[in-house]
């Protein structure tokens, strides 16, 4: 599970860095394919972690660290900033669409 966490932190950092590059709608359109890929990578990782957990029910569930909370806060801040730009919400939601479909298919 540590490997899933480490990889997730790396993807989240990359996503934050991509979002930080965006200053206007044109830049958002340029960055959209990279952002979409990162959301897809993150959802694939989450599905993989879920499947691993189902196959290894006795594996430890890791508690969230202060670093995890900080990353979540940074990602939320950047997403909020980009959402407030003209067309931001629509473009980001389109980038998230496929990833969210994958996550909605996870069965407990």
Protein backbone atom coordinates (compact mmCIF):
# COMPACT_ATOMS: atom_id res chain seq x y z
CA UNK A 1 0.00 0.00 0.00
CA UNK A 2 2.97 2.31 0.54
CA UNK A 3 3.76 2.09 -3.16
CA UNK A 4 0.22 3.14 -4.07
CA UNK A 5 0.48 6.08 -1.68
CA UNK A 6 3.86 7.18 -3.01
CA UNK A 7 2.70 6.97 -6.61
CA UNK A 8 -0.50 8.85 -5.74
CA UNK A 9 1.51 11.62 -4.11
CA UNK A 10 3.66 11.89 -7.23
CA UNK A 11 0.66 12.11 -9.54
CA UNK A 12 -1.03 14.65 -7.27
CA UNK A 13 2.13 16.80 -7.20
CA UNK A 14 2.29 16.66 -11.01
CA UNK A 15 -1.38 17.63 -11.24
CA UNK A 16 -0.84 20.59 -8.89
CA UNK A 17 2.16 21.72 -10.96
CA UNK A 18 0.20 21.49 -14.23
CA UNK A 19 -2.67 23.50 -12.75
CA UNK A 20 -0.27 26.15 -11.45
CA UNK A 21 0.86 26.81 -15.04
CA UNK A 22 -2.62 27.91 -16.04
CA UNK A 23 -3.21 31.66 -16.10
CA UNK A 24 -6.03 31.94 -18.65
CA UNK A 25 -8.47 29.96 -20.81
CA UNK A 26 -6.00 29.51 -23.68
CA UNK A 27 -3.38 28.00 -21.35
CA UNK A 28 -6.08 25.79 -19.86
CA UNK A 29 -6.94 24.42 -23.31
CA UNK A 30 -3.25 23.74 -23.97
CA UNK A 31 -2.76 21.99 -20.61
CA UNK A 32 -6.05 20.04 -20.76
CA UNK A 33 -4.62 16.84 -22.33
CA UNK A 34 -1.89 16.60 -19.67
CA UNK A 35 -4.38 17.31 -16.89
CA UNK A 36 -6.77 14.69 -18.27
CA UNK A 37 -3.95 12.13 -18.36
CA UNK A 38 -3.04 12.85 -14.75
CA UNK A 39 -6.66 12.47 -13.62
CA UNK A 40 -6.80 9.19 -15.57
CA UNK A 41 -3.52 8.03 -14.01
CA UNK A 42 -4.83 8.86 -10.55
CA UNK A 43 -8.10 7.01 -11.10
CA UNK A 44 -6.25 3.98 -12.51
CA UNK A 45 -4.05 3.98 -9.42
CA UNK A 46 -7.10 4.17 -7.15
CA UNK A 47 -8.76 1.28 -8.98
CA UNK A 48 -5.51 -0.69 -8.70
CA UNK A 49 -5.28 0.01 -4.97
CA UNK A 50 -8.89 -1.06 -4.53
CA UNK A 51 -8.28 -4.31 -6.39
CA UNK A 52 -5.10 -4.95 -4.40
CA UNK A 53 -7.01 -4.37 -1.17
CA UNK A 54 -9.72 -6.85 -2.22
CA UNK A 55 -7.06 -9.51 -2.91
CA UNK A 56 -5.10 -8.72 0.26
CA UNK A 57 -7.76 -7.92 2.89
CA UNK A 58 -5.25 -8.21 5.74
CA UNK A 59 -2.95 -5.52 4.37
CA UNK A 60 -2.63 -2.42 6.52
CA UNK A 61 -4.83 0.56 5.80
CA UNK A 62 -2.57 3.58 5.88
CA UNK A 63 -3.62 6.65 7.82
CA UNK A 64 -3.47 9.99 6.08
CA UNK A 65 -0.39 11.99 6.97
CA UNK A 66 -0.06 15.75 7.33
CA UNK A 67 1.70 15.66 3.92
CA UNK A 68 -1.37 13.96 2.41
CA UNK A 69 -3.63 16.66 3.84
CA UNK A 70 -1.31 19.38 2.55
CA UNK A 71 -1.38 17.90 -0.96
CA UNK A 72 -5.18 17.70 -0.87
CA UNK A 73 -5.38 21.33 0.22
CA UNK A 74 -2.98 22.44 -2.52
CA UNK A 75 -4.91 20.52 -5.18
CA UNK A 76 -8.23 21.95 -3.96
CA UNK A 77 -6.75 25.46 -4.01
CA UNK A 78 -5.49 25.12 -7.58
CA UNK A 79 -8.72 23.52 -8.81
CA UNK A 80 -10.75 26.32 -7.21
CA UNK A 81 -8.54 28.94 -8.81
CA UNK A 82 -8.86 27.35 -12.26
CA UNK A 83 -12.62 26.78 -11.84
CA UNK A 84 -13.08 30.52 -11.35
CA UNK A 85 -11.54 31.30 -14.74
CA UNK A 86 -13.70 31.72 -17.83
CA UNK A 87 -14.61 28.21 -18.99
CA UNK A 88 -12.51 26.67 -16.22
CA UNK A 89 -15.17 24.51 -14.64
CA UNK A 90 -16.28 23.05 -17.97
CA UNK A 91 -12.75 22.27 -19.15
CA UNK A 92 -11.66 20.67 -15.87
CA UNK A 93 -14.87 18.66 -15.57
CA UNK A 94 -14.30 17.37 -19.11
CA UNK A 95 -10.76 16.36 -18.09
CA UNK A 96 -12.17 14.50 -15.07
CA UNK A 97 -15.06 12.79 -16.87
CA UNK A 98 -13.40 9.50 -17.85
CA UNK A 99 -11.58 9.16 -14.53
CA UNK A 100 -14.81 9.65 -12.59
CA UNK A 101 -16.56 6.99 -14.70
CA UNK A 102 -13.83 4.50 -13.79
CA UNK A 103 -14.12 5.32 -10.11
CA UNK A 104 -17.90 5.06 -10.13
CA UNK A 105 -17.60 1.44 -11.32
CA UNK A 106 -15.64 0.34 -8.26
CA UNK A 107 -17.67 -2.13 -6.25
CA UNK A 108 -16.93 -2.54 -2.55
